[in-house]
PDB file of N, CA and C in Angstrom:
ATOM      1  N   MET A   1      67.931  43.807 -48.554  1.00  0.00           N
ATOM      2  CA  MET A   1      69.654  44.032 -48.681  1.00  0.00           C
ATOM      3  C   MET A   1      69.852  42.167 -49.408  1.00  0.00           C
ATOM      4  N   SER A   2      70.670  41.840 -49.809  1.00  0.00           N
ATOM      5  CA  SER A   2      71.551  40.968 -50.468  1.00  0.00           C
ATOM      6  C   SER A   2      71.220  40.184 -48.685  1.00  0.00           C
ATOM      7  N   ALA A   3      71.517  38.735 -48.037  1.00  0.00           N
ATOM      8  CA  ALA A   3      72.587  37.802 -47.406  1.00  0.00           C
ATOM      9  C   ALA A   3      73.462  37.979 -47.923  1.00  0.00           C
ATOM     10  N   MET A   4      73.970  37.598 -48.562  1.00  0.00           N
ATOM     11  CA  MET A   4      75.899  38.328 -48.739  1.00  0.00           C
ATOM     12  C   MET A   4      75.586  38.541 -49.726  1.00  0.00           C
ATOM     13  N   ILE A   5      77.287  39.016 -50.293  1.00  0.00           N
ATOM     14  CA  ILE A   5      78.199  39.350 -51.354  1.00  0.00           C
ATOM     15  C   ILE A   5      79.061  38.796 -51.363  1.00  0.00           C
ATOM     16  N   GLU A   6      79.490  37.993 -52.328  1.00  0.00           N
ATOM     17  CA  GLU A   6      80.218  36.743 -52.732  1.00  0.00           C
ATOM     18  C   GLU A   6      80.928  37.600 -54.863  1.00  0.00           C
ATOM     19  N   ILE A   7      82.769  37.783 -54.425  1.00  0.00           N
ATOM     20  CA  ILE A   7      83.196  38.235 -55.064  1.00  0.00           C
ATOM     21  C   ILE A   7      84.542  36.695 -54.963  1.00  0.00           C
ATOM     22  N   GLU A   8      84.891  36.592 -56.209  1.00  0.00           N
ATOM     23  CA  GLU A   8      85.691  35.518 -56.445  1.00  0.00           C
ATOM     24  C   GLU A   8      87.463  36.769 -56.318  1.00  0.00           C
ATOM     25  N   TRP A   9      87.856  36.034 -56.098  1.00  0.00           N
ATOM     26  CA  TRP A   9      89.854  36.054 -56.213  1.00  0.00           C
ATOM     27  C   TRP A   9      90.455  35.187 -56.237  1.00  0.00           C
ATOM     28  N   LYS A  10      91.236  35.047 -57.469  1.00  0.00           N
ATOM     29  CA  LYS A  10      92.340  33.976 -57.335  1.00  0.00           C
ATOM     30  C   LYS A  10      91.743  32.735 -56.899  1.00  0.00           C
ATOM     31  N   GLY A  11      90.284  32.545 -57.588  1.00  0.00           N
ATOM     32  CA  GLY A  11      90.312  30.981 -57.561  1.00  0.00           C
ATOM     33  C   GLY A  11      88.833  30.542 -55.669  1.00  0.00           C
ATOM     34  N   GLU A  12      89.063  31.769 -55.143  1.00  0.00           N
ATOM     35  CA  GLU A  12      88.644  31.990 -54.084  1.00  0.00           C
ATOM     36  C   GLU A  12      87.515  32.701 -54.500  1.00  0.00           C
ATOM     37  N   THR A  13      86.129  32.410 -53.441  1.00  0.00           N
ATOM     38  CA  THR A  13      85.006  32.512 -53.306  1.00  0.00           C
ATOM     39  C   THR A  13      85.258  33.420 -52.038  1.00  0.00           C
ATOM     40  N   LEU A  14      85.010  34.941 -52.031  1.00  0.00           N
ATOM     41  CA  LEU A  14      84.759  36.046 -50.968  1.00  0.00           C
ATOM     42  C   LEU A  14      84.064  36.172 -50.460  1.00  0.00           C
ATOM     43  N   THR A  15      83.577  36.233 -48.781  1.00  0.00           N
ATOM     44  CA  THR A  15      82.616  36.531 -48.749  1.00  0.00           C
ATOM     45  C   THR A  15      82.441  38.000 -47.831  1.00  0.00           C
ATOM     46  N   ILE A  16      81.376  38.742 -47.802  1.00  0.00           N
ATOM     47  CA  ILE A  16      80.431  40.008 -46.631  1.00  0.00           C
ATOM     48  C   ILE A  16      79.463  39.637 -46.675  1.00  0.00           C
ATOM     49  N   ARG A  17      79.530  39.656 -45.296  1.00  0.00           N
ATOM     50  CA  ARG A  17      77.998  39.498 -44.584  1.00  0.00           C
ATOM     51  C   ARG A  17      76.531  40.629 -44.851  1.00  0.00           C
ATOM     52  N   GLU A  18      75.894  40.396 -44.975  1.00  0.00           N
ATOM     53  CA  GLU A  18      74.532  41.960 -44.847  1.00  0.00           C
ATOM     54  C   GLU A  18      75.319  43.037 -43.955  1.00  0.00           C
ATOM     55  N   ASN A  19      75.497  42.263 -43.155  1.00  0.00           N
ATOM     56  CA  ASN A  19      76.174  43.591 -41.570  1.00  0.00           C
ATOM     57  C   ASN A  19      76.722  44.162 -42.039  1.00  0.00           C
ATOM     58  N   GLN A  20      77.292  43.463 -43.730  1.00  0.00           N
ATOM     59  CA  GLN A  20      79.474  44.456 -42.914  1.00  0.00           C
ATOM     60  C   GLN A  20      79.596  45.398 -45.054  1.00  0.00           C
ATOM     61  N   ALA A  21      78.000  45.360 -45.635  1.00  0.00           N
ATOM     62  CA  ALA A  21      78.169  45.995 -46.915  1.00  0.00           C
ATOM     63  C   ALA A  21      77.841  47.185 -46.963  1.00  0.00           C
ATOM     64  N   PHE A  22      77.689  47.796 -45.555  1.00  0.00           N
ATOM     65  CA  PHE A  22      78.235  49.506 -45.103  1.00  0.00           C
ATOM     66  C   PHE A  22      78.852  49.773 -45.783  1.00  0.00           C
ATOM     67  N   GLU A  23      79.353  48.784 -44.317  1.00  0.00           N
ATOM     68  CA  GLU A  23      81.684  48.719 -44.082  1.00  0.00           C
ATOM     69  C   GLU A  23      82.625  49.126 -45.727  1.00  0.00           C
ATOM     70  N   ALA A  24      81.569  47.826 -46.034  1.00  0.00           N
ATOM     71  CA  ALA A  24      82.207  47.128 -47.609  1.00  0.00           C
ATOM     72  C   ALA A  24      82.470  48.218 -48.625  1.00  0.00           C
ATOM     73  N   ALA A  25      80.624  49.200 -48.416  1.00  0.00           N
ATOM     74  CA  ALA A  25      80.483  50.390 -49.333  1.00  0.00           C
ATOM     75  C   ALA A  25      81.480  51.348 -49.538  1.00  0.00           C
ATOM     76  N   GLU A  26      81.765  51.243 -47.939  1.00  0.00           N
ATOM     77  CA  GLU A  26      82.629  52.553 -47.040  1.00  0.00           C
ATOM     78  C   GLU A  26      84.394  52.767 -47.831  1.00  0.00           C
ATOM     79  N   ALA A  27      84.755  51.510 -48.399  1.00  0.00           N
ATOM     80  CA  ALA A  27      86.097  51.180 -48.144  1.00  0.00           C
ATOM     81  C   ALA A  27      86.110  51.041 -49.494  1.00  0.00           C
ATOM     82  N   VAL A  28      84.908  51.301 -50.436  1.00  0.00           N
ATOM     83  CA  VAL A  28      85.661  51.190 -52.157  1.00  0.00           C
ATOM     84  C   VAL A  28      84.906  53.018 -52.215  1.00  0.00           C
ATOM     85  N   GLU A  29      84.092  53.419 -51.505  1.00  0.00           N
ATOM     86  CA  GLU A  29      83.567  54.928 -51.910  1.00  0.00           C
ATOM     87  C   GLU A  29      85.244  55.673 -51.411  1.00  0.00           C
ATOM     88  N   GLU A  30      86.158  55.138 -50.790  1.00  0.00           N
ATOM     89  CA  GLU A  30      87.628  55.973 -50.518  1.00  0.00           C
ATOM     90  C   GLU A  30      88.443  55.737 -51.321  1.00  0.00           C
ATOM     91  N   VAL A  31      87.920  54.791 -52.507  1.00  0.00           N
ATOM     92  CA  VAL A  31      88.415  55.347 -54.152  1.00  0.00           C
ATOM     93  C   VAL A  31      88.060  55.816 -55.602  1.00  0.00           C
ATOM     94  N   PHE A  32      86.136  55.604 -55.014  1.00  0.00           N
ATOM     95  CA  PHE A  32      85.477  57.120 -55.857  1.00  0.00           C
ATOM     96  C   PHE A  32      84.961  55.642 -55.545  1.00  0.00           C
ATOM     97  N   THR A  33      82.883  56.618 -55.962  1.00  0.00           N
ATOM     98  CA  THR A  33      81.950  57.496 -55.192  1.00  0.00           C
ATOM     99  C   THR A  33      81.189  56.464 -56.287  1.00  0.00           C
ATOM    100  N   LEU A  34      79.854  56.101 -56.404  1.00  0.00           N
ATOM    101  CA  LEU A  34      79.125  54.954 -57.352  1.00  0.00           C
ATOM    102  C   LEU A  34      78.666  56.179 -58.381  1.00  0.00           C
ATOM    103  N   GLY A  35      78.089  57.456 -58.510  1.00  0.00           N
ATOM    104  CA  GLY A  35      78.709  58.003 -59.496  1.00  0.00           C
ATOM    105  C   GLY A  35      79.916  58.578 -60.295  1.00  0.00           C
ATOM    106  N   GLU A  36      80.868  58.380 -59.325  1.00  0.00           N
ATOM    107  CA  GLU A  36      82.144  58.420 -60.547  1.00  0.00           C
ATOM    108  C   GLU A  36      82.601  56.719 -61.197  1.00  0.00           C
ATOM    109  N   LEU A  37      82.094  55.957 -60.800  1.00  0.00           N
ATOM    110  CA  LEU A  37      82.082  54.871 -60.940  1.00  0.00           C
ATOM    111  C   LEU A  37      80.727  54.911 -62.104  1.00  0.00           C
ATOM    112  N   ALA A  38      79.793  55.330 -61.926  1.00  0.00           N
ATOM    113  CA  ALA A  38      79.040  55.102 -63.346  1.00  0.00           C
ATOM    114  C   ALA A  38      80.157  55.565 -64.828  1.00  0.00           C
ATOM    115  N   LYS A  39      79.834  56.394 -64.254  1.00  0.00           N
ATOM    116  CA  LYS A  39      81.403  57.417 -65.298  1.00  0.00           C
ATOM    117  C   LYS A  39      82.247  56.418 -66.456  1.00  0.00           C
ATOM    118  N   PHE A  40      82.604  55.410 -65.353  1.00  0.00           N
ATOM    119  CA  PHE A  40      83.771  53.840 -66.159  1.00  0.00           C
ATOM    120  C   PHE A  40      82.600  53.642 -67.109  1.00  0.00           C
ATOM    121  N   GLU A  41      81.211  53.348 -67.447  1.00  0.00           N
ATOM    122  CA  GLU A  41      80.619  52.348 -68.194  1.00  0.00           C
ATOM    123  C   GLU A  41      80.958  53.143 -69.749  1.00  0.00           C
ATOM    124  N   SER A  42      81.167  54.221 -69.308  1.00  0.00           N
ATOM    125  CA  SER A  42      81.764  54.678 -71.157  1.00  0.00           C
ATOM    126  C   SER A  42      83.002  55.586 -70.897  1.00  0.00           C
ATOM    127  N   LYS A  43      83.293  54.944 -69.989  1.00  0.00           N
ATOM    128  CA  LYS A  43      84.773  55.786 -70.459  1.00  0.00           C
ATOM    129  C   LYS A  43      86.329  54.347 -68.758  1.00  0.00           C
ATOM    130  N   PRO A  44      86.601  54.238 -69.939  1.00  0.00           N
ATOM    131  CA  PRO A  44      86.979  52.831 -68.492  1.00  0.00           C
ATOM    132  C   PRO A  44      88.047  52.639 -68.139  1.00  0.00           C
ATOM    133  N   LYS A  45      88.197  53.005 -66.589  1.00  0.00           N
ATOM    134  CA  LYS A  45      89.399  53.489 -65.840  1.00  0.00           C
ATOM    135  C   LYS A  45      90.267  52.261 -65.090  1.00  0.00           C
ATOM    136  N   LEU A  46      90.762  51.412 -65.753  1.00  0.00           N
ATOM    137  CA  LEU A  46      91.576  50.191 -65.741  1.00  0.00           C
ATOM    138  C   LEU A  46      92.410  50.045 -64.357  1.00  0.00           C
ATOM    139  N   ALA A  47      93.120  51.159 -63.762  1.00  0.00           N
ATOM    140  CA  ALA A  47      93.982  51.592 -62.011  1.00  0.00           C
ATOM    141  C   ALA A  47      92.631  51.681 -61.502  1.00  0.00           C
ATOM    142  N   ALA A  48      91.754  52.998 -61.600  1.00  0.00           N
ATOM    143  CA  ALA A  48      90.737  52.776 -60.991  1.00  0.00           C
ATOM    144  C   ALA A  48      89.961  51.601 -60.485  1.00  0.00           C
ATOM    145  N   LEU A  49      89.960  51.135 -61.340  1.00  0.00           N
ATOM    146  CA  LEU A  49      88.666  49.980 -61.173  1.00  0.00           C
ATOM    147  C   LEU A  49      89.429  49.547 -60.525  1.00  0.00           C
ATOM    148  N   SER A  50      90.628  49.143 -60.816  1.00  0.00           N
ATOM    149  CA  SER A  50      91.759  48.295 -60.184  1.00  0.00           C
ATOM    150  C   SER A  50      92.121  48.359 -58.318  1.00  0.00           C
ATOM    151  N   ARG A  51      91.663  49.435 -58.176  1.00  0.00           N
ATOM    152  CA  ARG A  51      92.332  50.681 -56.582  1.00  0.00           C
ATOM    153  C   ARG A  51      90.823  49.893 -55.727  1.00  0.00           C
ATOM    154  N   GLY A  52      89.523  50.157 -56.405  1.00  0.00           N
ATOM    155  CA  GLY A  52      88.239  49.963 -56.105  1.00  0.00           C
ATOM    156  C   GLY A  52      87.715  48.259 -56.227  1.00  0.00           C
ATOM    157  N   PHE A  53      88.700  47.934 -56.469  1.00  0.00           N
ATOM    158  CA  PHE A  53      88.722  45.595 -56.799  1.00  0.00           C
ATOM    159  C   PHE A  53      89.604  45.519 -55.423  1.00  0.00           C
ATOM    160  N   ALA A  54      90.705  46.074 -55.805  1.00  0.00           N
ATOM    161  CA  ALA A  54      91.380  45.489 -54.165  1.00  0.00           C
ATOM    162  C   ALA A  54      91.418  46.589 -53.277  1.00  0.00           C
ATOM    163  N   ALA A  55      90.914  47.543 -52.643  1.00  0.00           N
ATOM    164  CA  ALA A  55      89.936  47.873 -51.475  1.00  0.00           C
ATOM    165  C   ALA A  55      88.901  46.754 -51.278  1.00  0.00           C
ATOM    166  N   LEU A  56      87.804  46.164 -52.237  1.00  0.00           N
ATOM    167  CA  LEU A  56      86.967  45.360 -51.916  1.00  0.00           C
ATOM    168  C   LEU A  56      86.985  43.793 -51.635  1.00  0.00           C
ATOM    169  N   VAL A  57      88.320  43.306 -51.873  1.00  0.00           N
ATOM    170  CA  VAL A  57      89.207  41.689 -52.457  1.00  0.00           C
ATOM    171  C   VAL A  57      89.382  41.825 -50.359  1.00  0.00           C
ATOM    172  N   ASN A  58      90.457  43.081 -50.367  1.00  0.00           N
ATOM    173  CA  ASN A  58      90.970  42.522 -48.866  1.00  0.00           C
ATOM    174  C   ASN A  58      89.800  43.483 -47.633  1.00  0.00           C
ATOM    175  N   PHE A  59      88.663  43.885 -47.820  1.00  0.00           N
ATOM    176  CA  PHE A  59      87.367  44.280 -47.371  1.00  0.00           C
ATOM    177  C   PHE A  59      86.944  42.530 -46.478  1.00  0.00           C
ATOM    178  N   ALA A  60      86.813  41.659 -47.794  1.00  0.00           N
ATOM    179  CA  ALA A  60      86.229  40.931 -47.433  1.00  0.00           C
ATOM    180  C   ALA A  60      87.750  39.463 -47.312  1.00  0.00           C
ATOM    181  N   GLY A  61      88.479  39.707 -46.699  1.00  0.00           N
ATOM    182  CA  GLY A  61      89.781  39.275 -45.758  1.00  0.00           C
ATOM    183  C   GLY A  61      90.317  38.610 -47.079  1.00  0.00           C
ATOM    184  N   GLY A  62      89.972  38.944 -48.528  1.00  0.00           N
ATOM    185  CA  GLY A  62      91.547  38.545 -49.507  1.00  0.00           C
ATOM    186  C   GLY A  62      93.294  39.484 -49.327  1.00  0.00           C
ATOM    187  N   LYS A  63      93.465  39.099 -50.077  1.00  0.00           N
ATOM    188  CA  LYS A  63      94.485  39.834 -50.085  1.00  0.00           C
ATOM    189  C   LYS A  63      95.008  40.225 -51.569  1.00  0.00           C
ATOM    190  N   ALA A  64      94.819  41.294 -51.985  1.00  0.00           N
ATOM    191  CA  ALA A  64      95.392  42.296 -53.647  1.00  0.00           C
ATOM    192  C   ALA A  64      95.430  43.554 -53.265  1.00  0.00           C
ATOM    193  N   THR A  65      96.504  43.630 -54.448  1.00  0.00           N
ATOM    194  CA  THR A  65      97.134  45.339 -54.234  1.00  0.00           C
ATOM    195  C   THR A  65      96.277  46.470 -55.984  1.00  0.00           C
ATOM    196  N   PRO A  66      96.546  46.796 -55.499  1.00  0.00           N
ATOM    197  CA  PRO A  66      95.904  47.078 -57.264  1.00  0.00           C
ATOM    198  C   PRO A  66      96.174  46.979 -58.504  1.00  0.00           C
ATOM    199  N   GLN A  67      98.338  47.016 -58.212  1.00  0.00           N
ATOM    200  CA  GLN A  67      98.871  46.265 -58.994  1.00  0.00           C
ATOM    201  C   GLN A  67      98.473  44.409 -59.868  1.00  0.00           C
ATOM    202  N   GLU A  68      97.760  43.920 -58.353  1.00  0.00           N
ATOM    203  CA  GLU A  68      97.829  42.935 -58.682  1.00  0.00           C
ATOM    204  C   GLU A  68      95.799  42.527 -59.030  1.00  0.00           C
ATOM    205  N   VAL A  69      95.550  42.771 -59.231  1.00  0.00           N
ATOM    206  CA  VAL A  69      94.102  43.512 -59.990  1.00  0.00           C
ATOM    207  C   VAL A  69      94.466  43.691 -60.920  1.00  0.00           C
ATOM    208  N   ARG A  70      95.248  44.770 -61.586  1.00  0.00           N
ATOM    209  CA  ARG A  70      95.102  44.735 -62.828  1.00  0.00           C
ATOM    210  C   ARG A  70      96.261  43.655 -63.889  1.00  0.00           C
ATOM    211  N   GLN A  71      97.037  43.623 -63.690  1.00  0.00           N
ATOM    212  CA  GLN A  71      98.324  42.344 -63.932  1.00  0.00           C
ATOM    213  C   GLN A  71      97.078  40.977 -64.283  1.00  0.00           C
ATOM    214  N   SER A  72      95.912  41.471 -63.025  1.00  0.00           N
ATOM    215  CA  SER A  72      94.637  39.519 -63.751  1.00  0.00           C
ATOM    216  C   SER A  72      94.027  40.261 -65.054  1.00  0.00           C
ATOM    217  N   ALA A  73      94.045  41.265 -64.702  1.00  0.00           N
ATOM    218  CA  ALA A  73      92.768  41.799 -65.277  1.00  0.00           C
ATOM    219  C   ALA A  73      93.920  41.623 -67.046  1.00  0.00           C
ATOM    220  N   LEU A  74      94.229  41.844 -67.721  1.00  0.00           N
ATOM    221  CA  LEU A  74      95.372  42.111 -68.244  1.00  0.00           C
ATOM    222  C   LEU A  74      95.477  41.279 -68.727  1.00  0.00           C
ATOM    223  N   ALA A  75      95.745  40.043 -68.505  1.00  0.00           N
ATOM    224  CA  ALA A  75      96.424  38.614 -68.356  1.00  0.00           C
ATOM    225  C   ALA A  75      95.266  38.112 -69.214  1.00  0.00           C
ATOM    226  N   ALA A  76      93.368  37.960 -68.382  1.00  0.00           N
ATOM    227  CA  ALA A  76      92.330  37.864 -68.413  1.00  0.00           C
ATOM    228  C   ALA A  76      92.606  38.229 -69.953  1.00  0.00           C
ATOM    229  N   MET A  77      92.304  39.732 -70.375  1.00  0.00           N
ATOM    230  CA  MET A  77      92.265  40.099 -71.456  1.00  0.00           C
ATOM    231  C   MET A  77      93.058  39.613 -72.766  1.00  0.00           C
ATOM    232  N   LYS A  78      94.340  38.362 -72.413  1.00  0.00           N
ATOM    233  CA  LYS A  78      95.915  38.800 -72.921  1.00  0.00           C
ATOM    234  C   LYS A  78      95.364  37.286 -73.546  1.00  0.00           C
ATOM    235  N   ALA A  79      94.838  36.378 -72.499  1.00  0.00           N
ATOM    236  CA  ALA A  79      93.829  35.107 -72.726  1.00  0.00           C
ATOM    237  C   ALA A  79      92.809  35.006 -73.575  1.00  0.00           C
ATOM    238  N   GLY A  80      92.723  36.144 -74.280  1.00  0.00           N
ATOM    239  CA  GLY A  80      91.358  36.243 -74.850  1.00  0.00           C
ATOM    240  C   GLY A  80      89.857  36.163 -74.395  1.00  0.00           C
ATOM    241  N   GLU A  81      90.239  37.244 -73.302  1.00  0.00           N
ATOM    242  CA  GLU A  81      88.459  37.056 -72.483  1.00  0.00           C
ATOM    243  C   GLU A  81      88.751  38.741 -73.763  1.00  0.00           C
ATOM    244  N   ASN A  82      86.860  38.484 -73.451  1.00  0.00           N
ATOM    245  CA  ASN A  82      86.320  39.966 -73.686  1.00  0.00           C
ATOM    246  C   ASN A  82      86.944  40.849 -73.328  1.00  0.00           C
ATOM    247  N   GLU A  83      87.061  41.950 -73.295  1.00  0.00           N
ATOM    248  CA  GLU A  83      87.786  43.273 -72.422  1.00  0.00           C
ATOM    249  C   GLU A  83      86.718  43.575 -71.602  1.00  0.00           C
ATOM    250  N   ALA A  84      85.257  43.775 -72.635  1.00  0.00           N
ATOM    251  CA  ALA A  84      83.934  44.120 -71.583  1.00  0.00           C
ATOM    252  C   ALA A  84      83.833  43.973 -70.664  1.00  0.00           C
ATOM    253  N   ALA A  85      83.988  42.214 -70.676  1.00  0.00           N
ATOM    254  CA  ALA A  85      83.386  41.036 -70.220  1.00  0.00           C
ATOM    255  C   ALA A  85      83.710  41.551 -68.449  1.00  0.00           C
ATOM    256  N   VAL A  86      85.991  40.982 -68.831  1.00  0.00           N
ATOM    257  CA  VAL A  86      86.280  41.880 -67.831  1.00  0.00           C
ATOM    258  C   VAL A  86      86.203  43.207 -67.208  1.00  0.00           C
ATOM    259  N   LEU A  87      86.462  43.732 -67.870  1.00  0.00           N
ATOM    260  CA  LEU A  87      85.068  45.407 -67.172  1.00  0.00           C
ATOM    261  C   LEU A  87      84.606  45.252 -66.431  1.00  0.00           C
ATOM    262  N   THR A  88      83.346  45.149 -66.827  1.00  0.00           N
ATOM    263  CA  THR A  88      81.650  44.443 -66.269  1.00  0.00           C
ATOM    264  C   THR A  88      81.856  44.025 -65.325  1.00  0.00           C
ATOM    265  N   SER A  89      82.685  42.783 -64.786  1.00  0.00           N
ATOM    266  CA  SER A  89      82.498  41.863 -63.582  1.00  0.00           C
ATOM    267  C   SER A  89      82.884  42.625 -62.693  1.00  0.00           C
ATOM    268  N   ILE A  90      84.624  42.801 -63.554  1.00  0.00           N
ATOM    269  CA  ILE A  90      84.712  44.086 -62.010  1.00  0.00           C
ATOM    270  C   ILE A  90      83.873  45.132 -61.408  1.00  0.00           C
ATOM    271  N   MET A  91      83.353  45.812 -62.165  1.00  0.00           N
ATOM    272  CA  MET A  91      82.184  46.968 -62.228  1.00  0.00           C
ATOM    273  C   MET A  91      80.810  46.541 -61.410  1.00  0.00           C
ATOM    274  N   SER A  92      80.576  45.207 -61.499  1.00  0.00           N
ATOM    275  CA  SER A  92      80.026  44.780 -61.628  1.00  0.00           C
ATOM    276  C   SER A  92      79.495  44.578 -59.692  1.00  0.00           C
ATOM    277  N   ALA A  93      80.767  43.894 -59.582  1.00  0.00           N
ATOM    278  CA  ALA A  93      81.538  44.097 -58.056  1.00  0.00           C
ATOM    279  C   ALA A  93      81.453  45.412 -56.815  1.00  0.00           C
ATOM    280  N   LEU A  94      82.007  45.669 -57.641  1.00  0.00           N
ATOM    281  CA  LEU A  94      81.446  47.139 -57.132  1.00  0.00           C
ATOM    282  C   LEU A  94      80.376  47.665 -57.297  1.00  0.00           C
ATOM    283  N   VAL A  95      79.333  47.984 -58.667  1.00  0.00           N
ATOM    284  CA  VAL A  95      78.300  48.591 -57.778  1.00  0.00           C
ATOM    285  C   VAL A  95      77.560  47.625 -56.694  1.00  0.00           C
ATOM    286  N   GLU A  96      77.083  46.094 -57.282  1.00  0.00           N
ATOM    287  CA  GLU A  96      76.639  45.275 -55.745  1.00  0.00           C
ATOM    288  C   GLU A  96      76.608  46.574 -54.505  1.00  0.00           C
ATOM    289  N   VAL A  97      78.004  46.002 -54.589  1.00  0.00           N
ATOM    290  CA  VAL A  97      78.678  45.939 -53.105  1.00  0.00           C
ATOM    291  C   VAL A  97      77.791  47.989 -52.145  1.00  0.00           C
ATOM    292  N   LEU A  98      78.028  48.915 -53.623  1.00  0.00           N
ATOM    293  CA  LEU A  98      77.890  50.161 -53.407  1.00  0.00           C
ATOM    294  C   LEU A  98      76.199  50.178 -53.819  1.00  0.00           C
ATOM    295  N   MET A  99      75.424  49.782 -54.453  1.00  0.00           N
ATOM    296  CA  MET A  99      74.061  49.790 -54.166  1.00  0.00           C
ATOM    297  C   MET A  99      73.108  48.380 -53.213  1.00  0.00           C
ATOM    298  N   ASP A 100      73.979  47.837 -52.908  1.00  0.00           N
ATOM    299  CA  ASP A 100      73.053  47.166 -51.000  1.00  0.00           C
ATOM    300  C   ASP A 100      73.100  48.028 -50.376  1.00  0.00           C
ATOM    301  N   GLY A 101      71.636  47.749 -50.519  1.00  0.00           N
ATOM    302  CA  GLY A 101      70.509  48.300 -50.277  1.00  0.00           C
ATOM    303  C   GLY A 101      69.722  49.027 -50.825  1.00  0.00           C
ATOM    304  N   ALA A 102      70.038  49.139 -51.429  1.00  0.00           N
ATOM    305  CA  ALA A 102      69.063  49.410 -52.948  1.00  0.00           C
ATOM    306  C   ALA A 102      67.348  48.741 -52.990  1.00  0.00           C
ATOM    307  N   PRO A 103      66.555  49.402 -53.361  1.00  0.00           N
ATOM    308  CA  PRO A 103      65.148  48.628 -52.769  1.00  0.00           C
ATOM    309  C   PRO A 103      65.524  48.297 -54.676  1.00  0.00           C
ATOM    310  N   ASP A 104      64.578  46.640 -54.482  1.00  0.00           N
ATOM    311  CA  ASP A 104      64.873  46.296 -55.148  1.00  0.00           C
ATOM    312  C   ASP A 104      63.129  46.530 -55.928  1.00  0.00           C
ATOM    313  N   ALA A 105      63.120  45.843 -57.585  1.00  0.00           N
ATOM    314  CA  ALA A 105      62.037  46.574 -58.215  1.00  0.00           C
ATOM    315  C   ALA A 105      60.912  46.359 -58.014  1.00  0.00           C
ATOM    316  N   GLU A 106      60.411  44.794 -56.856  1.00  0.00           N
ATOM    317  CA  GLU A 106      59.386  45.169 -56.938  1.00  0.00           C
ATOM    318  C   GLU A 106      58.902  46.220 -55.620  1.00  0.00           C
ATOM    319  N   ASP A 107      60.123  46.725 -55.168  1.00  0.00           N
ATOM    320  CA  ASP A 107      59.988  47.876 -54.152  1.00  0.00           C
ATOM    321  C   ASP A 107      59.485  49.407 -54.264  1.00  0.00           C
ATOM    322  N   ALA A 108      60.186  48.634 -55.767  1.00  0.00           N
ATOM    323  CA  ALA A 108      60.700  50.796 -56.136  1.00  0.00           C
ATOM    324  C   ALA A 108      58.635  51.369 -56.251  1.00  0.00           C
ATOM    325  N   PRO A 109      59.374  52.802 -56.543  1.00  0.00           N
ATOM    326  CA  PRO A 109      57.691  53.607 -56.871  1.00  0.00           C
ATOM    327  C   PRO A 109      57.236  52.432 -58.624  1.00  0.00           C
ATOM    328  N   ALA A 110      56.312  53.351 -59.136  1.00  0.00           N
ATOM    329  CA  ALA A 110      55.869  53.121 -59.785  1.00  0.00           C
ATOM    330  C   ALA A 110      56.373  54.512 -60.900  1.00  0.00           C
ATOM    331  N   GLY A 111      57.354  53.493 -61.655  1.00  0.00           N
ATOM    332  CA  GLY A 111      57.906  53.973 -63.172  1.00  0.00           C
ATOM    333  C   GLY A 111      59.317  53.732 -62.855  1.00  0.00           C
ATOM    334  N   ALA A 112      59.899  53.754 -61.523  1.00  0.00           N
ATOM    335  CA  ALA A 112      60.739  53.122 -62.118  1.00  0.00           C
ATOM    336  C   ALA A 112      61.685  52.335 -62.889  1.00  0.00           C
ATOM    337  N   PRO A 113      62.743  52.749 -63.294  1.00  0.00           N
ATOM    338  CA  PRO A 113      63.299  51.400 -63.750  1.00  0.00           C
ATOM    339  C   PRO A 113      63.059  49.588 -63.547  1.00  0.00           C
ATOM    340  N   GLU A 114      62.688  49.457 -64.299  1.00  0.00           N
ATOM    341  CA  GLU A 114      62.508  47.519 -64.315  1.00  0.00           C
ATOM    342  C   GLU A 114      64.421  46.963 -63.559  1.00  0.00           C
ATOM    343  N   LYS A 115      64.189  46.183 -62.603  1.00  0.00           N
ATOM    344  CA  LYS A 115      65.603  45.456 -62.031  1.00  0.00           C
ATOM    345  C   LYS A 115      66.489  44.460 -62.977  1.00  0.00           C
ATOM    346  N   THR A 116      67.280  44.819 -63.289  1.00  0.00           N
ATOM    347  CA  THR A 116      68.390  44.638 -64.463  1.00  0.00           C
ATOM    348  C   THR A 116      68.983  43.188 -63.270  1.00  0.00           C
ATOM    349  N   THR A 117      69.509  41.870 -64.884  1.00  0.00           N
ATOM    350  CA  THR A 117      70.423  40.908 -63.277  1.00  0.00           C
ATOM    351  C   THR A 117      72.173  41.345 -63.664  1.00  0.00           C
ATOM    352  N   ARG A 118      72.512  41.368 -63.217  1.00  0.00           N
ATOM    353  CA  ARG A 118      73.915  41.940 -63.385  1.00  0.00           C
ATOM    354  C   ARG A 118      75.187  40.127 -63.649  1.00  0.00           C
ATOM    355  N   PRO A 119      75.599  40.511 -63.769  1.00  0.00           N
ATOM    356  CA  PRO A 119      76.507  38.995 -64.497  1.00  0.00           C
ATOM    357  C   PRO A 119      77.164  39.395 -63.615  1.00  0.00           C
ATOM    358  N   SER A 120      77.864  38.107 -62.756  1.00  0.00           N
ATOM    359  CA  SER A 120      78.371  37.591 -61.715  1.00  0.00           C
ATOM    360  C   SER A 120      80.274  37.347 -62.084  1.00  0.00           C
ATOM    361  N   LEU A 121      80.656  38.332 -60.421  1.00  0.00           N
ATOM    362  CA  LEU A 121      82.056  38.377 -61.256  1.00  0.00           C
ATOM    363  C   LEU A 121      82.644  36.907 -60.976  1.00  0.00           C
ATOM    364  N   LYS A 122      82.767  37.028 -62.050  1.00  0.00           N
ATOM    365  CA  LYS A 122      84.337  35.785 -63.049  1.00  0.00           C
ATOM    366  C   LYS A 122      86.213  36.356 -63.018  1.00  0.00           C
ATOM    367  N   ALA A 123      86.805  37.317 -61.532  1.00  0.00           N
ATOM    368  CA  ALA A 123      88.133  37.689 -62.061  1.00  0.00           C
ATOM    369  C   ALA A 123      88.295  36.636 -62.206  1.00  0.00           C
ATOM    370  N   ALA A 124      89.890  37.135 -63.597  1.00  0.00           N
ATOM    371  CA  ALA A 124      90.508  36.756 -63.536  1.00  0.00           C
ATOM    372  C   ALA A 124      91.583  35.992 -62.426  1.00  0.00           C
ATOM    373  N   SER A 125      92.549  34.329 -61.834  1.00  0.00           N
ATOM    374  CA  SER A 125      93.678  34.646 -61.537  1.00  0.00           C
ATOM    375  C   SER A 125      94.064  34.779 -62.072  1.00  0.00           C
TER     376      SER A 125
END
């Protein structure tokens, strides 16, 4: 497991400690499961992603509503950020929490897919 998971929201870095990862995942799974999140890769649902990310921000000690997260993402896109990059940054933070505790590639069984690097989250302010 990673020692900490960091997310950014409105210019603030929020930290979820390793011993909080399970509870953080539970907070996100109240909104959707990892399987449902995986489906968003081909059919993104900004409102659902906003609800999940708001739950994560609030768990980490920040303050966000799903509406604020959605507005922030839309504002970033309107300002010229690539839509896929904005959605990927939100999804990456959610996947990182839901997958915390999964074995790294070097710990995975033979034939398992190689570890990929996830982009860091840079949520729009």
